[in-house]
């Protein structure tokens, strides 16, 4: 359980990120500033974070960088379970707080390890690498469809900097994203 300050009481967040005591979602900006001493740089980040905290899938179109990482780093502090980030930029398996970073070619092995563990969120960084017609295509990304089949209850956050409809539609179908939530800068 995650504990939050709630109307001068300590409240507990349910799996959807809502406080059991007052029924509200914690102010992600306050939590981020309290933990990291920094301000978020865009309203889009807060909107994505709130969406993810409601345990919903999303496709986020945003340039690479730390700003994009906030979209999963803040929820990792608030939600129960591990956050698994699949990224081609990861050199080897890394763990930061409750966030596990892996390269796409290690996904099958990681899914076996995750079986029976509490997983709160899957993040697919550089999601456009799934598209075989793109220059940055990576064959190892083909197995990412396993995320939804093996863990249908875990939300998926797909991050990309590609804005075209063809790529976005392909990502929705290949990752089996529920709903059509697209967040763009």
N, C-alpha and C. Protein backbone atom coordinates (compact mmCIF):
# COMPACT_ATOMS: atom_id res chain seq x y z
N UNK A 1 0.83 -1.19 0.00
CA UNK A 1 0.00 0.00 0.00
C UNK A 1 0.87 1.25 0.00
N UNK A 2 0.43 2.27 -0.68
CA UNK A 2 1.11 3.56 -0.69
C UNK A 2 0.40 4.48 0.28
N UNK A 3 1.18 5.13 1.14
CA UNK A 3 0.59 6.05 2.12
C UNK A 3 0.74 7.48 1.62
N UNK A 4 -0.34 8.25 1.77
CA UNK A 4 -0.30 9.65 1.36
C UNK A 4 -0.88 10.51 2.46
N UNK A 5 -0.50 11.79 2.46
CA UNK A 5 -1.11 12.74 3.38
C UNK A 5 -2.46 13.13 2.81
N UNK A 6 -3.51 12.92 3.58
CA UNK A 6 -4.87 13.10 3.08
C UNK A 6 -5.69 13.84 4.14
N UNK A 7 -6.01 15.11 3.91
CA UNK A 7 -6.79 15.89 4.86
C UNK A 7 -6.26 15.73 6.28
N UNK A 8 -4.95 15.92 6.44
CA UNK A 8 -4.26 15.82 7.73
C UNK A 8 -4.27 14.40 8.32
N UNK A 9 -4.64 13.42 7.55
CA UNK A 9 -4.59 12.02 7.97
C UNK A 9 -3.70 11.28 6.99
N UNK A 10 -3.25 10.13 7.38
CA UNK A 10 -2.52 9.30 6.43
C UNK A 10 -3.52 8.39 5.76
N UNK A 11 -3.65 8.50 4.45
CA UNK A 11 -4.59 7.68 3.70
C UNK A 11 -3.86 6.60 2.93
N UNK A 12 -4.58 5.62 2.48
CA UNK A 12 -4.01 4.54 1.69
C UNK A 12 -4.62 4.58 0.30
N UNK A 13 -3.78 4.39 -0.70
CA UNK A 13 -4.27 4.38 -2.07
C UNK A 13 -4.70 2.97 -2.45
N UNK A 14 -5.84 2.89 -3.12
CA UNK A 14 -6.28 1.60 -3.64
C UNK A 14 -5.52 1.32 -4.94
N UNK A 15 -5.71 0.16 -5.57
CA UNK A 15 -4.95 -0.14 -6.78
C UNK A 15 -5.16 0.85 -7.93
N UNK A 16 -6.26 1.60 -7.92
CA UNK A 16 -6.49 2.60 -8.96
C UNK A 16 -5.86 3.94 -8.63
N UNK A 17 -5.14 4.03 -7.50
CA UNK A 17 -4.50 5.28 -7.13
C UNK A 17 -5.41 6.26 -6.44
N UNK A 18 -6.56 5.80 -5.95
CA UNK A 18 -7.54 6.65 -5.28
C UNK A 18 -7.44 6.38 -3.77
N UNK A 19 -7.50 7.44 -2.97
CA UNK A 19 -7.40 7.31 -1.52
C UNK A 19 -8.63 6.62 -0.96
N UNK A 20 -8.42 5.60 -0.12
CA UNK A 20 -9.53 4.90 0.52
C UNK A 20 -10.32 5.82 1.45
N UNK A 21 -9.64 6.79 2.08
CA UNK A 21 -10.31 7.64 3.07
C UNK A 21 -11.19 8.71 2.44
N UNK A 22 -10.63 9.45 1.48
CA UNK A 22 -11.38 10.59 0.97
C UNK A 22 -11.87 10.41 -0.46
N UNK A 23 -11.42 9.36 -1.15
CA UNK A 23 -11.86 9.11 -2.52
C UNK A 23 -11.20 9.97 -3.57
N UNK A 24 -10.14 10.69 -3.21
CA UNK A 24 -9.48 11.55 -4.18
C UNK A 24 -8.12 10.97 -4.58
N UNK A 25 -7.62 11.47 -5.70
CA UNK A 25 -6.30 11.07 -6.16
C UNK A 25 -5.29 12.09 -5.61
N UNK A 26 -4.13 11.64 -5.15
CA UNK A 26 -3.15 12.59 -4.63
C UNK A 26 -2.71 13.56 -5.71
N UNK A 27 -2.30 14.72 -5.32
CA UNK A 27 -1.82 15.72 -6.26
C UNK A 27 -0.41 15.31 -6.69
N UNK A 28 -0.31 14.83 -7.91
CA UNK A 28 0.97 14.32 -8.39
C UNK A 28 2.04 15.40 -8.44
N UNK A 29 1.63 16.64 -8.66
CA UNK A 29 2.61 17.72 -8.67
C UNK A 29 3.23 17.92 -7.30
N UNK A 30 2.39 17.87 -6.26
CA UNK A 30 2.91 18.01 -4.89
C UNK A 30 3.85 16.87 -4.53
N UNK A 31 3.46 15.65 -4.89
CA UNK A 31 4.29 14.49 -4.58
C UNK A 31 5.62 14.57 -5.31
N UNK A 32 5.59 14.94 -6.57
CA UNK A 32 6.82 15.05 -7.35
C UNK A 32 7.74 16.11 -6.74
N UNK A 33 7.17 17.27 -6.43
CA UNK A 33 7.97 18.36 -5.87
C UNK A 33 8.53 17.97 -4.50
N UNK A 34 7.73 17.28 -3.70
CA UNK A 34 8.17 16.85 -2.36
C UNK A 34 9.31 15.85 -2.46
N UNK A 35 9.18 14.86 -3.35
CA UNK A 35 10.20 13.81 -3.47
C UNK A 35 11.45 14.27 -4.22
N UNK A 36 11.28 15.08 -5.26
CA UNK A 36 12.39 15.40 -6.12
C UNK A 36 12.81 16.87 -6.07
N UNK A 37 11.98 17.70 -5.44
CA UNK A 37 12.32 19.12 -5.35
C UNK A 37 12.30 19.83 -6.68
N UNK A 38 11.52 19.33 -7.62
CA UNK A 38 11.48 19.92 -8.96
C UNK A 38 10.04 20.09 -9.43
N UNK A 39 9.84 20.97 -10.37
CA UNK A 39 8.53 21.20 -10.96
C UNK A 39 8.40 20.35 -12.22
N UNK A 40 7.18 19.92 -12.52
CA UNK A 40 6.93 19.27 -13.81
C UNK A 40 6.95 20.36 -14.86
N UNK A 41 7.33 19.99 -16.06
CA UNK A 41 7.50 21.00 -17.09
C UNK A 41 6.31 21.16 -18.01
N UNK A 42 5.33 20.24 -17.96
CA UNK A 42 4.19 20.39 -18.85
C UNK A 42 2.91 19.83 -18.22
N UNK A 43 1.80 20.42 -18.64
CA UNK A 43 0.49 19.94 -18.18
C UNK A 43 0.23 18.54 -18.76
N UNK A 44 0.82 18.26 -19.91
CA UNK A 44 0.65 16.95 -20.53
C UNK A 44 1.16 15.84 -19.61
N UNK A 45 2.30 16.07 -18.97
CA UNK A 45 2.85 15.07 -18.05
C UNK A 45 1.84 14.74 -16.95
N UNK A 46 1.28 15.76 -16.34
CA UNK A 46 0.32 15.52 -15.27
C UNK A 46 -0.91 14.78 -15.79
N UNK A 47 -1.37 15.15 -16.98
CA UNK A 47 -2.54 14.47 -17.57
C UNK A 47 -2.25 12.99 -17.81
N UNK A 48 -1.07 12.68 -18.34
CA UNK A 48 -0.69 11.28 -18.58
C UNK A 48 -0.58 10.53 -17.26
N UNK A 49 0.05 11.14 -16.27
CA UNK A 49 0.23 10.49 -14.97
C UNK A 49 -1.12 10.16 -14.34
N UNK A 50 -2.04 11.11 -14.38
CA UNK A 50 -3.37 10.86 -13.81
C UNK A 50 -4.07 9.72 -14.55
N UNK A 51 -3.91 9.68 -15.87
CA UNK A 51 -4.50 8.62 -16.69
C UNK A 51 -3.92 7.25 -16.30
N UNK A 52 -2.61 7.19 -16.18
CA UNK A 52 -1.92 5.95 -15.82
C UNK A 52 -2.32 5.51 -14.41
N UNK A 53 -2.45 6.46 -13.50
CA UNK A 53 -2.84 6.12 -12.12
C UNK A 53 -4.24 5.53 -12.05
N UNK A 54 -5.05 5.79 -13.06
CA UNK A 54 -6.38 5.17 -13.13
C UNK A 54 -6.31 3.79 -13.79
N UNK A 55 -5.07 3.32 -14.01
CA UNK A 55 -4.79 1.99 -14.55
C UNK A 55 -5.33 1.84 -15.98
N UNK A 56 -5.08 2.85 -16.79
CA UNK A 56 -5.53 2.85 -18.18
C UNK A 56 -4.33 2.87 -19.12
N UNK A 57 -4.48 2.22 -20.26
CA UNK A 57 -3.45 2.23 -21.30
C UNK A 57 -3.37 3.60 -21.95
N UNK A 58 -2.20 3.91 -22.50
CA UNK A 58 -2.04 5.18 -23.20
C UNK A 58 -0.88 5.12 -24.18
N UNK A 59 -1.02 5.91 -25.24
CA UNK A 59 0.06 6.15 -26.18
C UNK A 59 0.45 7.62 -26.02
N UNK A 60 1.73 7.86 -25.72
CA UNK A 60 2.21 9.22 -25.48
C UNK A 60 3.20 9.58 -26.58
N UNK A 61 2.90 10.67 -27.29
CA UNK A 61 3.78 11.18 -28.34
C UNK A 61 4.50 12.40 -27.76
N UNK A 62 5.80 12.20 -27.49
CA UNK A 62 6.58 13.25 -26.82
C UNK A 62 8.04 13.01 -27.16
N UNK A 63 8.84 14.07 -27.31
CA UNK A 63 10.26 13.87 -27.59
C UNK A 63 10.95 13.07 -26.49
N UNK A 64 12.04 12.41 -26.86
CA UNK A 64 12.83 11.65 -25.88
C UNK A 64 13.35 12.58 -24.79
N UNK A 65 13.62 11.99 -23.64
CA UNK A 65 14.24 12.76 -22.57
C UNK A 65 13.59 12.54 -21.22
N UNK A 66 14.12 13.25 -20.24
CA UNK A 66 13.65 13.10 -18.87
C UNK A 66 12.18 13.47 -18.70
N UNK A 67 11.71 14.44 -19.47
CA UNK A 67 10.31 14.84 -19.36
C UNK A 67 9.37 13.67 -19.65
N UNK A 68 9.73 12.88 -20.63
CA UNK A 68 8.92 11.72 -20.99
C UNK A 68 8.98 10.66 -19.90
N UNK A 69 10.12 10.49 -19.29
CA UNK A 69 10.30 9.49 -18.24
C UNK A 69 9.44 9.79 -17.01
N UNK A 70 9.14 11.05 -16.77
CA UNK A 70 8.29 11.40 -15.63
C UNK A 70 6.92 10.75 -15.72
N UNK A 71 6.48 10.47 -16.94
CA UNK A 71 5.16 9.86 -17.15
C UNK A 71 5.05 8.48 -16.52
N UNK A 72 6.17 7.81 -16.28
CA UNK A 72 6.12 6.53 -15.56
C UNK A 72 6.86 6.57 -14.23
N UNK A 73 7.79 7.49 -14.06
CA UNK A 73 8.52 7.55 -12.79
C UNK A 73 7.63 8.00 -11.63
N UNK A 74 6.77 8.98 -11.87
CA UNK A 74 5.87 9.43 -10.81
C UNK A 74 4.87 8.32 -10.44
N UNK A 75 4.18 7.69 -11.41
CA UNK A 75 3.30 6.58 -11.02
C UNK A 75 4.02 5.46 -10.29
N UNK A 76 5.29 5.23 -10.60
CA UNK A 76 6.02 4.16 -9.90
C UNK A 76 6.13 4.45 -8.41
N UNK A 77 6.13 5.74 -8.04
CA UNK A 77 6.21 6.11 -6.63
C UNK A 77 4.86 5.95 -5.93
N UNK A 78 3.78 6.01 -6.70
CA UNK A 78 2.44 6.02 -6.12
C UNK A 78 1.71 4.69 -6.17
N UNK A 79 2.01 3.89 -7.17
CA UNK A 79 1.23 2.66 -7.35
C UNK A 79 1.93 1.45 -6.75
N UNK A 80 1.12 0.46 -6.49
CA UNK A 80 1.65 -0.81 -6.01
C UNK A 80 2.27 -1.55 -7.19
N UNK A 81 3.26 -2.33 -6.91
CA UNK A 81 3.84 -3.19 -7.93
C UNK A 81 5.00 -2.56 -8.67
N UNK A 82 5.70 -3.42 -9.36
CA UNK A 82 6.87 -3.08 -10.15
C UNK A 82 6.46 -2.42 -11.45
N UNK A 83 7.25 -1.50 -11.95
CA UNK A 83 7.07 -0.90 -13.27
C UNK A 83 8.18 -1.46 -14.16
N UNK A 84 7.79 -2.12 -15.24
CA UNK A 84 8.76 -2.68 -16.18
C UNK A 84 8.85 -1.78 -17.40
N UNK A 85 10.06 -1.27 -17.68
CA UNK A 85 10.29 -0.41 -18.83
C UNK A 85 11.13 -1.17 -19.84
N UNK A 86 10.58 -1.35 -21.04
CA UNK A 86 11.29 -2.00 -22.13
C UNK A 86 11.83 -0.90 -23.02
N UNK A 87 13.15 -0.82 -23.16
CA UNK A 87 13.76 0.27 -23.91
C UNK A 87 15.00 -0.21 -24.65
N UNK A 88 15.14 0.18 -25.93
CA UNK A 88 16.36 -0.21 -26.66
C UNK A 88 17.58 0.59 -26.19
N UNK A 89 17.36 1.68 -25.46
CA UNK A 89 18.46 2.52 -24.98
C UNK A 89 19.08 2.00 -23.70
N UNK A 90 18.47 1.00 -23.10
CA UNK A 90 18.97 0.42 -21.86
C UNK A 90 20.15 -0.49 -22.19
N UNK A 91 21.28 -0.30 -21.55
CA UNK A 91 22.47 -1.11 -21.84
C UNK A 91 22.35 -2.52 -21.29
N UNK A 92 21.85 -2.63 -20.08
CA UNK A 92 21.66 -3.92 -19.44
C UNK A 92 20.52 -3.76 -18.45
N UNK A 93 20.19 -4.81 -17.75
CA UNK A 93 19.09 -4.72 -16.79
C UNK A 93 19.47 -3.74 -15.68
N UNK A 94 18.58 -2.77 -15.43
CA UNK A 94 18.83 -1.77 -14.39
C UNK A 94 17.59 -1.67 -13.52
N UNK A 95 17.78 -1.38 -12.24
CA UNK A 95 16.67 -1.19 -11.33
C UNK A 95 16.84 0.17 -10.65
N UNK A 96 15.78 0.95 -10.65
CA UNK A 96 15.77 2.26 -10.00
C UNK A 96 14.45 2.37 -9.24
N UNK A 97 14.54 2.34 -7.90
CA UNK A 97 13.35 2.28 -7.04
C UNK A 97 12.54 1.06 -7.42
N UNK A 98 11.29 1.24 -7.84
CA UNK A 98 10.45 0.11 -8.23
C UNK A 98 10.38 -0.03 -9.74
N UNK A 99 11.34 0.54 -10.45
CA UNK A 99 11.34 0.52 -11.91
C UNK A 99 12.46 -0.41 -12.39
N UNK A 100 12.08 -1.38 -13.20
CA UNK A 100 13.04 -2.30 -13.80
C UNK A 100 13.14 -1.98 -15.29
N UNK A 101 14.35 -1.66 -15.75
CA UNK A 101 14.60 -1.35 -17.15
C UNK A 101 15.25 -2.56 -17.81
N UNK A 102 14.70 -2.96 -18.96
CA UNK A 102 15.30 -4.08 -19.70
C UNK A 102 15.32 -3.74 -21.19
N UNK A 103 16.20 -4.42 -21.89
CA UNK A 103 16.23 -4.33 -23.35
C UNK A 103 15.15 -5.26 -23.91
N UNK A 104 14.62 -4.96 -25.09
CA UNK A 104 13.53 -5.77 -25.64
C UNK A 104 13.88 -7.24 -25.84
N UNK A 105 15.12 -7.54 -26.16
CA UNK A 105 15.48 -8.94 -26.40
C UNK A 105 15.48 -9.77 -25.11
N UNK A 106 15.39 -9.13 -23.96
CA UNK A 106 15.33 -9.84 -22.67
C UNK A 106 13.90 -10.01 -22.16
N UNK A 107 12.92 -9.58 -22.96
CA UNK A 107 11.53 -9.56 -22.50
C UNK A 107 11.01 -10.95 -22.16
N UNK A 108 11.23 -11.93 -23.01
CA UNK A 108 10.70 -13.27 -22.76
C UNK A 108 11.20 -13.81 -21.43
N UNK A 109 12.47 -13.65 -21.17
CA UNK A 109 13.05 -14.10 -19.90
C UNK A 109 12.46 -13.31 -18.72
N UNK A 110 12.30 -12.00 -18.91
CA UNK A 110 11.74 -11.15 -17.85
C UNK A 110 10.29 -11.53 -17.54
N UNK A 111 9.51 -11.89 -18.55
CA UNK A 111 8.11 -12.26 -18.32
C UNK A 111 8.02 -13.52 -17.46
N UNK A 112 8.93 -14.45 -17.66
CA UNK A 112 8.95 -15.65 -16.81
C UNK A 112 9.26 -15.26 -15.36
N UNK A 113 10.21 -14.34 -15.19
CA UNK A 113 10.58 -13.89 -13.85
C UNK A 113 9.43 -13.13 -13.19
N UNK A 114 8.67 -12.38 -13.98
CA UNK A 114 7.56 -11.56 -13.43
C UNK A 114 6.35 -12.40 -13.02
N UNK A 115 6.25 -13.62 -13.55
CA UNK A 115 5.09 -14.46 -13.24
C UNK A 115 4.94 -14.61 -11.72
N UNK A 116 3.75 -14.25 -11.23
CA UNK A 116 3.46 -14.36 -9.81
C UNK A 116 3.89 -13.14 -9.00
N UNK A 117 4.53 -12.17 -9.63
CA UNK A 117 4.94 -10.95 -8.93
C UNK A 117 3.90 -9.85 -9.17
N UNK A 118 3.91 -8.86 -8.30
CA UNK A 118 2.99 -7.73 -8.40
C UNK A 118 3.55 -6.73 -9.41
N UNK A 119 2.89 -6.61 -10.56
CA UNK A 119 3.31 -5.69 -11.61
C UNK A 119 2.27 -4.58 -11.71
N UNK A 120 2.72 -3.33 -11.65
CA UNK A 120 1.80 -2.21 -11.68
C UNK A 120 1.65 -1.55 -13.04
N UNK A 121 2.71 -1.63 -13.89
CA UNK A 121 2.68 -0.91 -15.16
C UNK A 121 3.76 -1.47 -16.09
N UNK A 122 3.42 -1.57 -17.38
CA UNK A 122 4.40 -1.86 -18.42
C UNK A 122 4.61 -0.58 -19.22
N UNK A 123 5.86 -0.27 -19.52
CA UNK A 123 6.19 0.90 -20.33
C UNK A 123 7.00 0.41 -21.53
N UNK A 124 6.56 0.80 -22.72
CA UNK A 124 7.29 0.48 -23.95
C UNK A 124 7.88 1.79 -24.46
N UNK A 125 9.17 1.97 -24.24
CA UNK A 125 9.86 3.18 -24.68
C UNK A 125 10.29 2.98 -26.13
N UNK A 126 10.29 4.06 -26.90
CA UNK A 126 10.63 3.98 -28.32
C UNK A 126 9.72 2.96 -29.02
N UNK A 127 8.43 3.04 -28.73
CA UNK A 127 7.47 2.06 -29.23
C UNK A 127 7.45 1.96 -30.76
N UNK A 128 7.81 3.01 -31.44
CA UNK A 128 7.82 2.98 -32.91
C UNK A 128 8.77 1.93 -33.46
N UNK A 129 9.69 1.43 -32.63
CA UNK A 129 10.63 0.39 -33.09
C UNK A 129 9.92 -0.91 -33.41
N UNK A 130 8.63 -1.03 -33.05
CA UNK A 130 7.85 -2.22 -33.40
C UNK A 130 7.50 -2.27 -34.88
N UNK A 131 7.51 -1.13 -35.54
CA UNK A 131 7.02 -1.01 -36.92
C UNK A 131 8.10 -1.44 -37.91
N UNK A 132 7.84 -2.53 -38.63
CA UNK A 132 8.84 -3.12 -39.52
C UNK A 132 9.23 -2.21 -40.68
N UNK A 133 8.41 -1.26 -41.05
CA UNK A 133 8.72 -0.39 -42.17
C UNK A 133 9.60 0.81 -41.77
N UNK A 134 9.86 0.95 -40.49
CA UNK A 134 10.62 2.10 -40.01
C UNK A 134 12.12 1.78 -39.98
N UNK A 135 12.94 2.83 -40.11
CA UNK A 135 14.39 2.67 -40.07
C UNK A 135 14.87 2.13 -38.73
N UNK A 136 14.20 2.50 -37.65
CA UNK A 136 14.64 2.10 -36.31
C UNK A 136 13.97 0.81 -35.82
N UNK A 137 13.43 0.02 -36.77
CA UNK A 137 12.77 -1.24 -36.43
C UNK A 137 13.73 -2.18 -35.71
N UNK A 138 13.21 -2.83 -34.67
CA UNK A 138 13.97 -3.84 -33.94
C UNK A 138 13.15 -5.13 -33.87
N UNK A 139 13.68 -6.21 -34.41
CA UNK A 139 12.96 -7.49 -34.43
C UNK A 139 12.56 -7.93 -33.02
N UNK A 140 13.38 -7.62 -32.04
CA UNK A 140 13.09 -8.04 -30.66
C UNK A 140 11.82 -7.40 -30.11
N UNK A 141 11.37 -6.33 -30.73
CA UNK A 141 10.13 -5.68 -30.29
C UNK A 141 8.88 -6.47 -30.65
N UNK A 142 9.01 -7.43 -31.56
CA UNK A 142 7.85 -8.21 -31.98
C UNK A 142 7.19 -8.96 -30.83
N UNK A 143 7.94 -9.30 -29.81
CA UNK A 143 7.39 -10.07 -28.69
C UNK A 143 6.63 -9.21 -27.67
N UNK A 144 6.56 -7.90 -27.89
CA UNK A 144 5.91 -7.03 -26.92
C UNK A 144 4.40 -7.27 -26.81
N UNK A 145 3.81 -7.89 -27.82
CA UNK A 145 2.40 -8.25 -27.73
C UNK A 145 2.12 -9.24 -26.60
N UNK A 146 3.17 -9.92 -26.15
CA UNK A 146 3.03 -10.87 -25.04
C UNK A 146 2.63 -10.18 -23.74
N UNK A 147 2.97 -8.90 -23.60
CA UNK A 147 2.65 -8.19 -22.37
C UNK A 147 1.16 -8.29 -22.04
N UNK A 148 0.33 -7.96 -23.01
CA UNK A 148 -1.12 -7.97 -22.79
C UNK A 148 -1.65 -9.40 -22.60
N UNK A 149 -1.12 -10.33 -23.37
CA UNK A 149 -1.62 -11.71 -23.26
C UNK A 149 -1.24 -12.36 -21.94
N UNK A 150 -0.04 -12.09 -21.44
CA UNK A 150 0.40 -12.71 -20.18
C UNK A 150 -0.11 -11.96 -18.95
N UNK A 151 -0.30 -10.66 -19.06
CA UNK A 151 -0.72 -9.82 -17.94
C UNK A 151 -1.85 -8.88 -18.39
N UNK A 152 -3.04 -9.41 -18.66
CA UNK A 152 -4.12 -8.58 -19.23
C UNK A 152 -4.61 -7.46 -18.30
N UNK A 153 -4.35 -7.55 -17.03
CA UNK A 153 -4.82 -6.56 -16.06
C UNK A 153 -3.85 -5.40 -15.87
N UNK A 154 -2.64 -5.50 -16.40
CA UNK A 154 -1.62 -4.48 -16.19
C UNK A 154 -1.70 -3.44 -17.32
N UNK A 155 -1.81 -2.15 -16.96
CA UNK A 155 -1.85 -1.12 -18.00
C UNK A 155 -0.52 -1.00 -18.74
N UNK A 156 -0.61 -0.57 -20.00
CA UNK A 156 0.57 -0.39 -20.84
C UNK A 156 0.66 1.07 -21.25
N UNK A 157 1.84 1.63 -21.08
CA UNK A 157 2.14 3.00 -21.49
C UNK A 157 3.15 2.91 -22.62
N UNK A 158 2.75 3.30 -23.83
CA UNK A 158 3.64 3.28 -24.99
C UNK A 158 4.14 4.70 -25.24
N UNK A 159 5.46 4.85 -25.31
CA UNK A 159 6.08 6.16 -25.50
C UNK A 159 6.77 6.21 -26.86
N UNK A 160 6.52 7.28 -27.60
CA UNK A 160 7.11 7.43 -28.92
C UNK A 160 7.28 8.91 -29.23
N UNK A 161 8.09 9.20 -30.23
CA UNK A 161 8.18 10.58 -30.71
C UNK A 161 7.65 10.67 -32.14
N UNK A 162 6.99 9.60 -32.60
CA UNK A 162 6.46 9.55 -33.96
C UNK A 162 4.97 9.90 -33.95
N UNK A 163 4.60 10.86 -34.78
CA UNK A 163 3.24 11.39 -34.74
C UNK A 163 2.30 10.83 -35.80
N UNK A 164 2.78 10.09 -36.79
CA UNK A 164 1.90 9.70 -37.89
C UNK A 164 0.85 8.66 -37.48
N UNK A 165 -0.32 8.74 -38.11
CA UNK A 165 -1.45 7.87 -37.78
C UNK A 165 -1.16 6.40 -38.04
N UNK A 166 -0.44 6.10 -39.12
CA UNK A 166 -0.12 4.71 -39.45
C UNK A 166 0.64 4.04 -38.30
N UNK A 167 1.65 4.71 -37.80
CA UNK A 167 2.43 4.17 -36.68
C UNK A 167 1.58 4.04 -35.43
N UNK A 168 0.80 5.05 -35.11
CA UNK A 168 -0.03 5.01 -33.91
C UNK A 168 -1.05 3.87 -33.98
N UNK A 169 -1.71 3.71 -35.12
CA UNK A 169 -2.69 2.62 -35.26
C UNK A 169 -2.02 1.26 -35.12
N UNK A 170 -0.84 1.13 -35.69
CA UNK A 170 -0.10 -0.13 -35.59
C UNK A 170 0.25 -0.44 -34.14
N UNK A 171 0.68 0.57 -33.39
CA UNK A 171 1.03 0.37 -31.99
C UNK A 171 -0.18 -0.04 -31.16
N UNK A 172 -1.32 0.58 -31.41
CA UNK A 172 -2.54 0.20 -30.69
C UNK A 172 -2.89 -1.26 -30.94
N UNK A 173 -2.76 -1.70 -32.19
CA UNK A 173 -3.13 -3.10 -32.50
C UNK A 173 -2.09 -4.10 -32.00
N UNK A 174 -0.80 -3.80 -32.14
CA UNK A 174 0.23 -4.76 -31.77
C UNK A 174 0.42 -4.89 -30.26
N UNK A 175 0.17 -3.80 -29.53
CA UNK A 175 0.30 -3.85 -28.08
C UNK A 175 -1.02 -4.17 -27.40
N UNK A 176 -2.07 -4.27 -28.18
CA UNK A 176 -3.41 -4.56 -27.68
C UNK A 176 -3.83 -3.51 -26.64
N UNK A 177 -3.56 -2.25 -26.94
CA UNK A 177 -3.90 -1.18 -26.01
C UNK A 177 -5.42 -1.04 -25.92
N UNK A 178 -5.91 -0.93 -24.71
CA UNK A 178 -7.35 -0.77 -24.48
C UNK A 178 -7.70 0.71 -24.59
N UNK A 179 -8.76 1.01 -25.30
CA UNK A 179 -9.14 2.41 -25.50
C UNK A 179 -8.28 3.04 -26.58
N UNK A 180 -8.50 4.29 -26.82
CA UNK A 180 -7.72 5.00 -27.85
C UNK A 180 -7.11 6.27 -27.28
N UNK A 181 -6.56 6.19 -26.06
CA UNK A 181 -5.99 7.36 -25.42
C UNK A 181 -4.64 7.71 -26.02
N UNK A 182 -4.59 8.84 -26.70
CA UNK A 182 -3.34 9.35 -27.29
C UNK A 182 -3.09 10.72 -26.68
N UNK A 183 -1.91 10.90 -26.13
CA UNK A 183 -1.51 12.18 -25.54
C UNK A 183 -0.38 12.73 -26.38
N UNK A 184 -0.58 13.93 -26.91
CA UNK A 184 0.43 14.55 -27.78
C UNK A 184 0.74 15.96 -27.30
N UNK A 185 2.00 16.36 -27.46
CA UNK A 185 2.40 17.73 -27.14
C UNK A 185 1.97 18.65 -28.24
